[in-house]
Amino acid sequence: MTRLFSFLVILFLVTGCTSAGPDGYVVTDAVIYTMDAGEPVAEAMVVLDGKVAAIGHEEDLREAYPDLSARSAGGKSIVPGFTDSHGHFMGLGLEKLSVDLRGTRSIDEVVERIRAFYPDLEPGQWIRGRGWNQELWPGRAFPTRQDLDLHFRDNPIALSRIDGHADWYNTAAMDIAGFEAIQNAEDPVGGAIIRDAEGVPTGVFVDAAAYLVERHVPAWTEEELDRALEIAMQSAAEVGLTGVHDAGVDMTTIERYQRFIDEDRFSVRMYAMIGGAGSTFDALCNQHIIDYGDFLTVRSVKLYLDGALGSRGAALLHDYADDPGNRGLLFVEPDEFSGVVQRAVACGYQVNTHAIGDRGNRVLLESYELASITPDMRPRNEHTQIIALEDIPRFQDLGIIASMQPTHATSDLNMAEDRLGPHRIKGGYAWRTLKEAGIPLAFGSDFPVERAHPLEGFFASITRQTRDLLPEGGWYPEERLTREETLEAFTQGGAFAAFQEDQLGSLSPGKWADFVVLSDDIMQIPPAQVLETSVIATVVGGKTIHGTFGSE
């Protein structure tokens, strides 16, 4: 704890490479969607000391600030910096250090990608990867350890499912963990060991059961973790993310972020959620709000209630429609979870809970009610994916913020209704229903589960279609949002969800000059062209951290 607080005074006094920005300039020849109700669209903006000083007409601002240089946007559109309200920042970088299996269409393709990523495997070398999704494969069945053993008998393999809620291991990995002990183990609370007809583990472990093998996978080195953070910051800047809500960090990660800030190497405004009620939770209890300069805030805790829909770990009130007898997994018993929520409230934390299934969401509601949570605490529901329609008024009463990910809907549409049936799906991915009920929305991607690009989420929100423009007309199109509502959820929604609406979320005078210059006007172009739009420049605190624009 001493090191955590030793740099606080320095961080407030030292000017970092991204915190102060240039002395000042006027952005000209732009279409600026400010998200400021007083002037929603402007053609020019003044940036001074890293903040927005004025917005309005170019002629007026050039006359008012004659000594400032001008930076022409070349007629391009500008929006406030995007905030991803639910991502896993270190995971964004670490996925680049292992094999990417996202989008694979068969086990054979998985094998091909492994071979391409690891061309010179040594015997005993671990293979790591993420992103497989059996729902995209012929037969849609979970894979087995034998599928990997056929090709990689001498290398232990750990492959995480696309949602991060199931792991796939080969026999070599399970042998390191103790195959016999695993075979004799009972399913842990909140987890499931997938077994064959004879009761032998197949190599797929759902949620908490993955720990049986996962704990034996070598830890990332400090050098690898530093590299992953560098990659994550670069990746975020490239897609226009100026803010991220990191959904689950420990003290080591907080200290890594702090070190990068102190070294002037941090370029994203980070709202970090403490991961679970463990040692970091206890160490920071009653600190309430901890700010490390302008780039790192810790004031919330991320709790877990259930698993994911794709691996049938989301906790449902009734059986899975495509797996009778299975209602998913609660990670903790409701009474125990309620106790954790009450502890978090007593510590002064904002409570942010992962809840995907309708039972998980109901337990969340009941626990928040028992803890006497009020709207001013800005409680959050991370995912808010499947809700019993009769529970929606309770969300409004508690003032719960729905932290949702639009691309989850378009990724899951090929299996979600199979899992839920035609009635329960009406409470799934229900952005419009929630918004009209007065529930605040904060959008993100849950990267690396989904790609981190906010424009893909923007497209999904306004179309309810995949990148292939399917289904025609959109999947349950009545739940679409307008462009204005979507941009709000990716900017102001994130700021509100982090108590930062006075500093971020719009290009209003007095707020940080965090903005993105886009190749096309996403508020006007045909929806399909949104996916072709690129980020010309990303600016944080008035300083360009990706690309160029104007006369830089």
Protein backbone atom coordinates (compact mmCIF):
# COMPACT_ATOMS: atom_id res chain seq x y z
CA MET A 1 0.00 0.00 0.00
CA THR A 2 2.88 2.37 0.68
CA ARG A 3 4.03 2.35 -2.94
CA LEU A 4 0.47 2.83 -4.16
CA PHE A 5 0.11 6.14 -2.41
CA SER A 6 3.72 7.39 -2.55
CA PHE A 7 3.30 8.93 -6.01
CA LEU A 8 -0.02 10.71 -5.44
CA VAL A 9 1.43 14.17 -4.85
CA ILE A 10 3.84 13.78 -7.76
CA LEU A 11 1.06 12.65 -10.09
CA PHE A 12 -0.93 15.78 -9.36
CA LEU A 13 2.08 18.08 -9.84
CA VAL A 14 3.98 16.54 -12.72
CA THR A 15 2.81 17.18 -16.28
CA GLY A 16 2.59 13.85 -18.10
CA CYS A 17 2.98 13.30 -21.81
CA THR A 18 -0.79 12.98 -22.26
CA SER A 19 -2.30 14.87 -19.34
CA ALA A 20 -1.66 18.49 -20.32
CA GLY A 21 -1.64 18.43 -24.09
CA PRO A 22 -0.47 21.30 -26.33
CA ASP A 23 -0.69 24.95 -25.24
CA GLY A 24 -3.72 25.43 -27.42
CA TYR A 25 -5.22 25.41 -30.89
CA VAL A 26 -8.48 25.89 -32.74
CA VAL A 27 -10.01 22.91 -34.53
CA THR A 28 -11.52 24.20 -37.77
CA ASP A 29 -13.41 22.91 -40.81
CA ALA A 30 -15.08 20.12 -38.89
CA VAL A 31 -18.49 18.65 -38.20
CA ILE A 32 -18.30 18.26 -34.42
CA TYR A 33 -20.98 16.19 -32.69
CA THR A 34 -20.40 17.61 -29.24
CA MET A 35 -23.02 15.69 -27.21
CA ASP A 36 -23.55 19.07 -25.54
CA ALA A 37 -27.26 19.86 -25.41
CA GLY A 38 -26.61 23.58 -25.73
CA GLU A 39 -24.82 23.22 -29.08
CA PRO A 40 -25.12 19.64 -30.39
CA VAL A 41 -23.25 20.34 -33.64
CA ALA A 42 -20.40 22.82 -34.08
CA GLU A 43 -17.90 23.62 -36.82
CA ALA A 44 -15.00 24.65 -34.61
CA MET A 45 -13.58 24.04 -31.15
CA VAL A 46 -10.92 25.70 -29.01
CA VAL A 47 -8.54 23.48 -27.04
CA LEU A 48 -6.55 25.08 -24.22
CA ASP A 49 -4.42 23.28 -21.62
CA GLY A 50 -5.87 19.97 -22.66
CA LYS A 51 -9.49 21.00 -22.21
CA VAL A 52 -12.28 22.35 -24.37
CA ALA A 53 -12.37 26.13 -23.99
CA ALA A 54 -15.12 26.91 -26.49
CA ILE A 55 -17.25 25.44 -29.28
CA GLY A 56 -19.10 27.25 -32.02
CA HIS A 57 -18.58 28.92 -35.38
CA GLU A 58 -15.09 29.05 -36.83
CA GLU A 59 -15.13 32.76 -37.59
CA ASP A 60 -16.22 33.64 -34.06
CA LEU A 61 -13.64 31.41 -32.40
CA ARG A 62 -10.74 32.54 -34.61
CA GLU A 63 -11.61 36.12 -33.78
CA ALA A 64 -11.85 35.36 -30.05
CA TYR A 65 -8.56 33.42 -29.99
CA PRO A 66 -6.34 35.15 -32.59
CA ASP A 67 -3.05 33.91 -31.13
CA LEU A 68 -3.90 30.23 -31.40
CA SER A 69 -2.90 28.11 -34.37
CA ALA A 70 -5.60 26.40 -36.40
CA ARG A 71 -5.85 22.71 -37.10
CA SER A 72 -8.16 21.90 -39.96
CA ALA A 73 -10.11 18.67 -39.76
CA GLY A 74 -10.51 18.80 -43.53
CA GLY A 75 -14.29 18.65 -43.31
CA LYS A 76 -14.22 15.40 -41.35
CA SER A 77 -16.51 14.59 -38.45
CA ILE A 78 -15.43 14.66 -34.83
CA VAL A 79 -17.10 12.94 -31.89
CA PRO A 80 -16.23 12.81 -28.19
CA GLY A 81 -13.74 10.09 -27.37
CA PHE A 82 -15.44 6.70 -27.12
CA THR A 83 -15.58 5.00 -23.73
CA ASP A 84 -15.76 1.22 -23.50
CA SER A 85 -17.74 0.76 -20.31
CA HIS A 86 -16.86 -2.90 -19.92
CA GLY A 87 -13.57 -4.33 -21.12
CA HIS A 88 -10.60 -6.29 -19.83
CA PHE A 89 -7.65 -4.10 -20.63
CA MET A 90 -4.76 -6.44 -19.92
CA GLY A 91 -6.67 -9.15 -21.78
CA LEU A 92 -6.73 -6.89 -24.84
CA GLY A 93 -2.96 -7.01 -24.91
CA LEU A 94 -2.46 -10.58 -23.75
CA GLU A 95 -4.63 -11.92 -26.56
CA LYS A 96 -1.94 -10.68 -28.97
CA LEU A 97 0.59 -12.88 -27.15
CA SER A 98 -1.42 -16.06 -27.73
CA VAL A 99 -3.22 -17.63 -30.67
CA ASP A 100 -6.43 -15.88 -31.73
CA LEU A 101 -9.19 -18.43 -32.41
CA ARG A 102 -11.99 -15.93 -32.92
CA GLY A 103 -14.09 -16.83 -35.97
CA THR A 104 -12.72 -20.34 -36.47
CA ARG A 105 -15.27 -22.54 -38.24
CA SER A 106 -13.97 -25.98 -37.30
CA ILE A 107 -11.53 -27.85 -35.09
CA ASP A 108 -9.28 -28.24 -38.13
CA GLU A 109 -9.10 -24.47 -38.43
CA VAL A 110 -8.22 -24.24 -34.75
CA VAL A 111 -5.31 -26.62 -35.37
CA GLU A 112 -4.20 -24.60 -38.40
CA ARG A 113 -4.14 -21.38 -36.41
CA ILE A 114 -2.16 -22.98 -33.60
CA ARG A 115 0.44 -24.26 -36.05
CA ALA A 116 0.69 -20.84 -37.71
CA PHE A 117 1.14 -19.04 -34.39
CA TYR A 118 3.61 -21.59 -32.99
CA PRO A 119 5.73 -22.61 -36.02
CA ASP A 120 8.69 -23.84 -33.92
CA LEU A 121 7.17 -25.66 -30.96
CA GLU A 122 9.53 -27.26 -28.47
CA PRO A 123 8.40 -30.41 -26.62
CA GLY A 124 6.66 -29.41 -23.40
CA GLN A 125 6.06 -25.82 -24.50
CA TRP A 126 2.64 -24.53 -23.46
CA ILE A 127 0.18 -23.46 -26.15
CA ARG A 128 -2.24 -20.70 -25.18
CA GLY A 129 -5.17 -19.28 -27.09
CA ARG A 130 -8.59 -17.74 -26.89
CA GLY A 131 -11.71 -17.27 -28.95
CA TRP A 132 -13.10 -20.68 -29.97
CA ASN A 133 -16.85 -20.94 -30.29
CA GLN A 134 -18.38 -24.34 -30.91
CA GLU A 135 -21.61 -22.70 -32.03
CA LEU A 136 -19.84 -21.83 -35.30
CA TRP A 137 -18.70 -25.42 -35.93
CA PRO A 138 -20.50 -28.32 -37.64
CA GLY A 139 -22.58 -30.12 -35.03
CA ARG A 140 -22.15 -27.25 -32.50
CA ALA A 141 -20.87 -29.69 -29.84
CA PHE A 142 -18.16 -28.95 -27.29
CA PRO A 143 -14.72 -30.14 -28.44
CA THR A 144 -12.66 -32.76 -26.59
CA ARG A 145 -9.09 -33.20 -25.42
CA GLN A 146 -8.64 -35.96 -28.01
CA ASP A 147 -9.30 -33.41 -30.77
CA LEU A 148 -6.10 -31.69 -29.67
CA ASP A 149 -4.16 -34.84 -28.71
CA LEU A 150 -4.22 -35.99 -32.32
CA HIS A 151 -2.00 -33.07 -33.29
CA PHE A 152 -0.23 -31.88 -30.13
CA ARG A 153 0.46 -34.82 -27.86
CA ASP A 154 3.71 -33.41 -26.42
CA ASN A 155 2.53 -29.87 -25.73
CA PRO A 156 0.08 -28.90 -22.98
CA ILE A 157 -2.70 -26.71 -24.38
CA ALA A 158 -5.00 -24.16 -22.71
CA LEU A 159 -7.64 -22.58 -24.96
CA SER A 160 -10.28 -20.25 -23.56
CA ARG A 161 -13.73 -20.02 -25.12
CA ILE A 162 -14.77 -16.75 -26.78
CA ASP A 163 -16.74 -15.65 -23.69
CA GLY A 164 -13.99 -16.58 -21.24
CA HIS A 165 -16.38 -18.88 -19.39
CA ALA A 166 -15.09 -22.27 -20.56
CA ASP A 167 -11.59 -23.65 -21.12
CA TRP A 168 -10.49 -26.47 -23.41
CA TYR A 169 -7.42 -28.50 -22.44
CA ASN A 170 -5.66 -31.45 -23.97
CA THR A 171 -4.57 -34.55 -22.09
CA ALA A 172 -1.01 -33.28 -21.59
CA ALA A 173 -2.32 -30.23 -19.72
CA MET A 174 -4.67 -32.36 -17.64
CA ASP A 175 -1.84 -34.76 -16.80
CA ILE A 176 0.20 -31.85 -15.40
CA ALA A 177 -2.80 -30.92 -13.25
CA GLY A 178 -3.34 -34.55 -12.16
CA PHE A 179 -5.74 -36.39 -14.43
CA GLU A 180 -6.90 -38.90 -11.82
CA ALA A 181 -7.59 -36.18 -9.25
CA ILE A 182 -9.62 -34.26 -11.80
CA GLN A 183 -11.57 -37.35 -12.77
CA ASN A 184 -12.46 -37.98 -9.13
CA ALA A 185 -13.31 -34.35 -8.40
CA GLU A 186 -16.85 -33.14 -7.94
CA ASP A 187 -18.12 -30.14 -9.83
CA PRO A 188 -17.24 -27.04 -7.82
CA VAL A 189 -19.83 -24.42 -6.94
CA GLY A 190 -20.26 -22.28 -10.04
CA GLY A 191 -18.52 -24.71 -12.35
CA ALA A 192 -18.93 -27.90 -14.37
CA ILE A 193 -16.52 -30.55 -15.61
CA ILE A 194 -17.83 -31.78 -18.95
CA ARG A 195 -17.64 -35.60 -19.01
CA ASP A 196 -18.27 -38.32 -21.58
CA ALA A 197 -20.77 -41.19 -21.23
CA GLU A 198 -18.32 -43.09 -18.98
CA GLY A 199 -17.83 -40.10 -16.69
CA VAL A 200 -14.33 -39.28 -17.95
CA PRO A 201 -13.50 -35.55 -18.33
CA THR A 202 -13.58 -34.53 -21.98
CA GLY A 203 -11.19 -31.61 -21.60
CA VAL A 204 -13.77 -28.79 -21.41
CA PHE A 205 -14.25 -27.09 -18.05
CA VAL A 206 -16.96 -24.49 -17.49
CA ASP A 207 -16.42 -21.44 -15.27
CA ALA A 208 -15.12 -22.30 -11.77
CA ALA A 209 -14.14 -25.85 -12.81
CA ALA A 210 -11.45 -24.45 -15.13
CA TYR A 211 -9.35 -23.60 -12.08
CA LEU A 212 -8.54 -27.30 -11.66
CA VAL A 213 -6.20 -27.03 -14.64
CA GLU A 214 -5.79 -23.29 -15.07
CA ARG A 215 -3.73 -22.92 -11.89
CA HIS A 216 -1.04 -25.08 -13.47
CA VAL A 217 -0.67 -22.92 -16.60
CA PRO A 218 2.54 -20.85 -16.31
CA ALA A 219 1.99 -17.25 -15.26
CA TRP A 220 2.81 -14.43 -17.64
CA THR A 221 6.17 -12.81 -16.94
CA GLU A 222 6.50 -9.17 -15.89
CA GLU A 223 8.01 -8.36 -19.27
CA GLU A 224 5.08 -9.99 -21.05
CA LEU A 225 2.59 -8.09 -18.90
CA ASP A 226 4.29 -4.77 -19.60
CA ARG A 227 4.27 -5.55 -23.30
CA ALA A 228 0.59 -6.51 -23.11
CA LEU A 229 -0.25 -3.15 -21.53
CA GLU A 230 1.64 -1.32 -24.26
CA ILE A 231 -0.25 -3.30 -26.92
CA ALA A 232 -3.58 -2.61 -25.20
CA MET A 233 -3.00 1.15 -25.14
CA GLN A 234 -1.98 1.18 -28.78
CA SER A 235 -4.97 -0.96 -29.76
CA ALA A 236 -7.37 1.28 -27.84
CA ALA A 237 -6.03 4.43 -29.46
CA GLU A 238 -6.26 2.92 -32.94
CA VAL A 239 -10.01 2.36 -32.60
CA GLY A 240 -10.83 5.67 -30.93
CA LEU A 241 -11.11 4.59 -27.31
CA THR A 242 -10.12 7.37 -24.95
CA GLY A 243 -11.71 5.77 -21.89
CA VAL A 244 -12.05 2.22 -20.58
CA HIS A 245 -13.86 0.75 -17.60
CA ASP A 246 -11.61 -2.18 -16.69
CA ALA A 247 -13.92 -4.91 -15.40
CA GLY A 248 -11.89 -6.62 -12.72
CA VAL A 249 -8.36 -5.69 -11.58
CA ASP A 250 -6.13 -6.62 -8.66
CA MET A 251 -3.55 -4.61 -6.77
CA THR A 252 -0.74 -5.74 -9.05
CA THR A 253 -2.56 -4.38 -12.09
CA ILE A 254 -3.39 -1.12 -10.31
CA GLU A 255 0.29 -0.71 -9.48
CA ARG A 256 1.29 -1.48 -13.07
CA TYR A 257 -1.07 1.24 -14.31
CA GLN A 258 0.31 3.63 -11.71
CA ARG A 259 3.88 2.91 -12.80
CA PHE A 260 3.05 3.58 -16.44
CA ILE A 261 1.35 6.85 -15.45
CA ASP A 262 4.40 7.88 -13.44
CA GLU A 263 6.60 7.07 -16.46
CA ASP A 264 4.37 9.19 -18.75
CA ARG A 265 3.40 6.09 -20.72
CA PHE A 266 -0.34 5.89 -20.03
CA SER A 267 -2.76 7.20 -22.65
CA VAL A 268 -6.29 6.07 -21.74
CA ARG A 269 -8.59 7.29 -18.98
CA MET A 270 -9.02 4.20 -16.87
CA TYR A 271 -11.94 3.51 -14.54
CA ALA A 272 -10.84 0.33 -12.79
CA MET A 273 -13.19 -2.03 -11.01
CA ILE A 274 -11.66 -4.15 -8.26
CA GLY A 275 -12.15 -7.80 -9.20
CA GLY A 276 -14.17 -9.52 -6.49
CA ALA A 277 -14.19 -9.32 -2.70
CA GLY A 278 -10.60 -10.45 -2.17
CA SER A 279 -7.41 -8.89 -0.86
CA THR A 280 -7.57 -5.80 -3.08
CA PHE A 281 -11.18 -5.22 -1.99
CA ASP A 282 -10.10 -5.39 1.66
CA ALA A 283 -7.01 -3.23 1.18
CA LEU A 284 -8.90 -0.37 -0.47
CA CYS A 285 -12.11 -0.59 1.58
CA ASN A 286 -13.25 2.82 2.83
CA GLN A 287 -10.81 4.68 0.58
CA HIS A 288 -14.02 5.43 -1.39
CA ILE A 289 -12.51 7.33 -4.32
CA ILE A 290 -8.87 6.84 -5.26
CA ASP A 291 -7.60 8.97 -8.12
CA TYR A 292 -4.12 8.50 -9.54
CA GLY A 293 -3.89 11.73 -11.49
CA ASP A 294 -6.33 12.20 -14.34
CA PHE A 295 -5.86 8.75 -15.82
CA LEU A 296 -6.81 6.20 -13.17
CA THR A 297 -9.77 6.06 -10.83
CA VAL A 298 -10.61 3.21 -8.44
CA ARG A 299 -13.95 3.44 -6.65
CA SER A 300 -15.93 0.35 -7.69
CA VAL A 301 -15.96 -3.41 -7.31
CA LYS A 302 -16.79 -5.99 -9.98
CA LEU A 303 -18.74 -8.97 -8.64
CA TYR A 304 -19.81 -12.14 -10.47
CA LEU A 305 -23.11 -13.97 -10.28
CA ASP A 306 -23.22 -16.42 -13.19
CA GLY A 307 -21.58 -17.65 -16.37
CA ALA A 308 -22.32 -17.05 -20.04
CA LEU A 309 -25.10 -18.11 -22.38
CA GLY A 310 -22.86 -19.72 -24.99
CA SER A 311 -21.38 -22.21 -22.53
CA ARG A 312 -24.77 -22.66 -20.81
CA GLY A 313 -23.41 -21.22 -17.60
CA ALA A 314 -25.79 -18.25 -17.41
CA ALA A 315 -28.17 -18.84 -14.50
CA LEU A 316 -31.77 -19.14 -15.73
CA LEU A 317 -35.09 -19.21 -13.92
CA HIS A 318 -36.18 -22.16 -16.08
CA ASP A 319 -34.41 -24.88 -18.05
CA TYR A 320 -32.36 -24.13 -21.13
CA ALA A 321 -34.69 -24.68 -24.07
CA ASP A 322 -31.99 -26.72 -25.83
CA ASP A 323 -30.76 -28.58 -22.72
CA PRO A 324 -33.65 -29.72 -20.48
CA GLY A 325 -32.66 -30.10 -16.86
CA ASN A 326 -29.90 -27.49 -17.06
CA ARG A 327 -30.51 -24.05 -15.56
CA GLY A 328 -26.93 -22.83 -15.63
CA LEU A 329 -24.65 -21.85 -12.77
CA LEU A 330 -24.71 -19.35 -9.93
CA PHE A 331 -21.15 -18.66 -8.78
CA VAL A 332 -22.30 -18.08 -5.19
CA GLU A 333 -25.44 -18.76 -3.22
CA PRO A 334 -27.83 -15.79 -3.11
CA ASP A 335 -27.43 -15.24 0.65
CA GLU A 336 -23.65 -15.21 0.34
CA PHE A 337 -23.80 -12.80 -2.59
CA SER A 338 -26.11 -10.46 -0.67
CA GLY A 339 -23.58 -10.39 2.15
CA VAL A 340 -20.79 -9.41 -0.26
CA VAL A 341 -22.93 -6.60 -1.72
CA GLN A 342 -23.61 -5.27 1.77
CA ARG A 343 -19.88 -5.36 2.55
CA ALA A 344 -19.15 -3.45 -0.65
CA VAL A 345 -21.73 -0.79 0.16
CA ALA A 346 -20.28 -0.45 3.67
CA CYS A 347 -16.84 0.09 2.12
CA GLY A 348 -18.18 2.89 -0.06
CA TYR A 349 -17.76 1.05 -3.35
CA GLN A 350 -19.94 1.44 -6.39
CA VAL A 351 -21.26 -2.10 -6.95
CA ASN A 352 -20.96 -3.46 -10.50
CA THR A 353 -22.18 -7.03 -10.97
CA HIS A 354 -21.84 -9.47 -13.87
CA ALA A 355 -25.31 -10.95 -14.43
CA ILE A 356 -26.32 -12.59 -17.71
CA GLY A 357 -29.17 -15.04 -17.12
CA ASP A 358 -32.62 -14.02 -15.89
CA ARG A 359 -32.03 -15.80 -12.58
CA GLY A 360 -28.67 -14.08 -12.17
CA ASN A 361 -30.35 -10.75 -12.81
CA ARG A 362 -33.09 -11.48 -10.29
CA VAL A 363 -30.56 -12.39 -7.60
CA LEU A 364 -28.79 -9.11 -8.39
CA LEU A 365 -32.02 -7.18 -7.88
CA GLU A 366 -32.85 -8.93 -4.64
CA SER A 367 -29.34 -8.40 -3.27
CA TYR A 368 -29.24 -4.71 -4.23
CA GLU A 369 -32.62 -4.22 -2.57
CA LEU A 370 -31.46 -5.93 0.63
CA ALA A 371 -28.39 -3.69 0.70
CA SER A 372 -30.63 -0.59 0.46
CA ILE A 373 -28.83 0.57 -2.67
CA THR A 374 -30.13 3.88 -3.99
CA PRO A 375 -29.87 5.58 -7.40
CA ASP A 376 -27.26 8.09 -6.16
CA MET A 377 -24.88 5.14 -5.64
CA ARG A 378 -25.15 4.46 -9.39
CA PRO A 379 -25.25 0.67 -9.08
CA ARG A 380 -24.41 -1.18 -12.26
CA ASN A 381 -25.41 -4.39 -13.96
CA GLU A 382 -22.57 -5.62 -16.14
CA HIS A 383 -24.19 -7.19 -19.24
CA THR A 384 -27.89 -7.06 -18.26
CA GLN A 385 -28.26 -9.69 -20.93
CA ILE A 386 -31.38 -11.76 -20.21
CA ILE A 387 -34.06 -10.20 -18.01
CA ALA A 388 -37.48 -11.42 -16.99
CA LEU A 389 -39.73 -8.67 -18.35
CA GLU A 390 -41.58 -8.35 -15.05
CA ASP A 391 -38.29 -7.43 -13.32
CA ILE A 392 -37.59 -4.32 -15.41
CA PRO A 393 -39.44 -1.87 -13.11
CA ARG A 394 -37.19 -2.95 -10.25
CA PHE A 395 -34.15 -1.86 -12.26
CA GLN A 396 -35.65 1.60 -12.60
CA ASP A 397 -36.55 1.82 -8.91
CA LEU A 398 -32.97 1.05 -7.88
CA GLY A 399 -31.44 3.34 -10.49
CA ILE A 400 -29.38 0.52 -11.93
CA ILE A 401 -27.17 1.42 -14.89
CA ALA A 402 -27.30 -1.19 -17.65
CA SER A 403 -23.70 -1.66 -18.79
CA MET A 404 -24.30 -3.51 -22.06
CA GLN A 405 -22.38 -4.63 -25.14
CA PRO A 406 -24.20 -4.28 -28.48
CA THR A 407 -22.00 -6.78 -30.32
CA HIS A 408 -22.96 -9.48 -27.82
CA ALA A 409 -26.40 -9.50 -29.42
CA THR A 410 -25.11 -9.87 -32.96
CA SER A 411 -22.56 -12.51 -31.91
CA ASP A 412 -25.15 -14.51 -29.97
CA LEU A 413 -28.11 -14.30 -32.33
CA ASN A 414 -27.24 -17.65 -33.91
CA MET A 415 -27.77 -19.46 -30.60
CA ALA A 416 -29.53 -17.18 -28.09
CA GLU A 417 -33.09 -18.08 -29.06
CA ASP A 418 -32.16 -21.78 -29.11
CA ARG A 419 -31.02 -21.41 -25.50
CA LEU A 420 -34.02 -19.39 -24.32
CA GLY A 421 -37.03 -20.07 -26.52
CA PRO A 422 -39.34 -17.49 -28.14
CA HIS A 423 -40.70 -15.94 -24.93
CA ARG A 424 -37.63 -15.37 -22.78
CA ILE A 425 -35.68 -13.96 -25.71
CA LYS A 426 -37.95 -10.90 -25.56
CA GLY A 427 -36.09 -9.88 -22.41
CA GLY A 428 -32.71 -10.45 -24.08
CA TYR A 429 -30.36 -7.70 -25.29
CA ALA A 430 -33.32 -5.35 -24.85
CA TRP A 431 -31.68 -1.95 -25.29
CA ARG A 432 -34.79 -0.08 -26.46
CA THR A 433 -37.03 -1.65 -23.81
CA LEU A 434 -34.61 -0.69 -21.05
CA LYS A 435 -34.07 2.83 -22.33
CA GLU A 436 -37.78 3.51 -22.60
CA ALA A 437 -38.12 2.27 -19.01
CA GLY A 438 -35.77 5.08 -17.96
CA ILE A 439 -32.75 2.86 -17.32
CA PRO A 440 -29.39 4.53 -18.16
CA LEU A 441 -27.28 2.72 -20.75
CA ALA A 442 -23.48 2.55 -20.84
CA PHE A 443 -22.10 0.70 -23.85
CA GLY A 444 -18.91 -1.28 -24.32
CA SER A 445 -17.63 -4.45 -25.94
CA ASP A 446 -16.38 -6.81 -23.19
CA PHE A 447 -13.12 -7.07 -25.13
CA PRO A 448 -11.36 -9.41 -25.74
CA VAL A 449 -14.60 -11.40 -25.83
CA GLU A 450 -15.64 -9.11 -28.68
CA ARG A 451 -13.43 -6.88 -30.79
CA ALA A 452 -12.68 -3.59 -29.06
CA HIS A 453 -13.78 -1.36 -31.94
CA PRO A 454 -16.63 0.93 -30.78
CA LEU A 455 -17.77 1.54 -34.36
CA GLU A 456 -18.70 -2.14 -34.59
CA GLY A 457 -20.82 -1.69 -31.47
CA PHE A 458 -22.30 1.48 -32.96
CA PHE A 459 -23.28 -0.44 -36.11
CA ALA A 460 -24.77 -3.32 -34.10
CA SER A 461 -26.82 -0.90 -32.00
CA ILE A 462 -28.42 0.91 -34.93
CA THR A 463 -29.00 -2.19 -37.11
CA ARG A 464 -29.15 -5.33 -34.91
CA GLN A 465 -27.23 -7.01 -37.76
CA THR A 466 -23.96 -8.89 -38.10
CA ARG A 467 -21.08 -7.58 -40.19
CA ASP A 468 -22.55 -9.67 -43.03
CA LEU A 469 -25.74 -7.55 -42.78
CA LEU A 470 -27.74 -10.48 -41.42
CA PRO A 471 -30.52 -10.99 -40.70
CA GLU A 472 -32.17 -8.74 -43.23
CA GLY A 473 -33.99 -5.97 -41.40
CA GLY A 474 -32.22 -6.77 -38.12
CA TRP A 475 -32.65 -9.28 -35.29
CA TYR A 476 -35.62 -8.15 -33.20
CA PRO A 477 -35.24 -4.73 -34.84
CA GLU A 478 -37.68 -3.10 -32.42
CA GLU A 479 -34.79 -3.07 -29.91
CA ARG A 480 -32.56 -0.89 -32.11
CA LEU A 481 -31.37 2.50 -30.91
CA THR A 482 -30.97 5.69 -32.91
CA ARG A 483 -27.53 7.01 -33.79
CA GLU A 484 -27.85 9.80 -31.24
CA GLU A 485 -28.85 7.37 -28.50
CA THR A 486 -26.01 5.04 -29.41
CA LEU A 487 -23.38 7.76 -29.43
CA GLU A 488 -24.69 8.91 -26.08
CA ALA A 489 -24.31 5.39 -24.64
CA PHE A 490 -20.69 5.22 -25.84
CA THR A 491 -19.79 8.67 -24.47
CA GLN A 492 -22.04 10.32 -21.89
CA GLY A 493 -23.35 6.97 -20.72
CA GLY A 494 -19.87 5.80 -19.79
CA ALA A 495 -19.06 9.09 -18.09
CA PHE A 496 -22.23 8.94 -15.99
CA ALA A 497 -21.59 5.31 -15.07
CA ALA A 498 -18.19 6.38 -13.69
CA PHE A 499 -19.32 9.58 -11.90
CA GLN A 500 -17.27 11.52 -14.47
CA GLU A 501 -19.95 13.47 -16.35
CA ASP A 502 -18.46 16.79 -15.21
CA GLN A 503 -15.14 15.95 -16.89
CA LEU A 504 -15.88 13.57 -19.76
CA GLY A 505 -18.56 12.41 -22.17
CA SER A 506 -19.13 15.54 -24.24
CA LEU A 507 -17.08 18.25 -25.92
CA SER A 508 -18.33 20.95 -23.61
CA PRO A 509 -16.31 23.92 -22.33
CA GLY A 510 -14.40 22.92 -19.22
CA LYS A 511 -14.24 19.21 -20.01
CA TRP A 512 -11.23 17.30 -21.22
CA ALA A 513 -10.50 17.59 -24.93
CA ASP A 514 -10.83 13.87 -25.61
CA PHE A 515 -12.09 13.36 -29.13
CA VAL A 516 -11.90 11.25 -32.28
CA VAL A 517 -11.58 12.39 -35.90
CA LEU A 518 -13.38 9.98 -38.22
CA SER A 519 -13.02 9.35 -41.94
CA ASP A 520 -16.79 9.45 -42.44
CA ASP A 521 -19.79 11.01 -40.75
CA ILE A 522 -21.30 8.09 -38.83
CA MET A 523 -24.34 10.18 -37.97
CA GLN A 524 -25.29 10.56 -41.64
CA ILE A 525 -23.85 7.79 -43.84
CA PRO A 526 -25.74 4.58 -44.70
CA PRO A 527 -25.44 2.10 -41.80
CA ALA A 528 -23.28 -0.42 -43.69
CA GLN A 529 -20.67 2.29 -44.30
CA VAL A 530 -20.15 2.68 -40.56
CA LEU A 531 -18.15 -0.55 -40.67
CA GLU A 532 -15.89 0.97 -43.33
CA THR A 533 -15.24 4.12 -41.31
CA SER A 534 -11.73 4.52 -39.95
CA VAL A 535 -10.23 6.52 -37.10
CA ILE A 536 -8.05 9.29 -38.52
CA ALA A 537 -6.91 10.57 -35.13
CA THR A 538 -7.51 9.94 -31.45
CA VAL A 539 -6.92 12.83 -29.07
CA VAL A 540 -6.67 12.65 -25.27
CA GLY A 541 -6.32 15.83 -23.26
CA GLY A 542 -5.70 17.78 -26.45
CA LYS A 543 -2.74 15.57 -27.42
CA THR A 544 -2.94 13.28 -30.44
CA ILE A 545 -2.11 9.73 -29.36
CA HIS A 546 -2.96 8.04 -32.66
CA GLY A 547 -2.87 9.30 -36.24
CA THR A 548 -2.64 12.93 -37.26
CA PHE A 549 -4.93 15.76 -38.25
CA GLY A 550 -4.53 19.40 -39.10
CA SER A 551 -1.05 20.94 -39.13
CA GLU A 552 0.57 18.73 -36.50
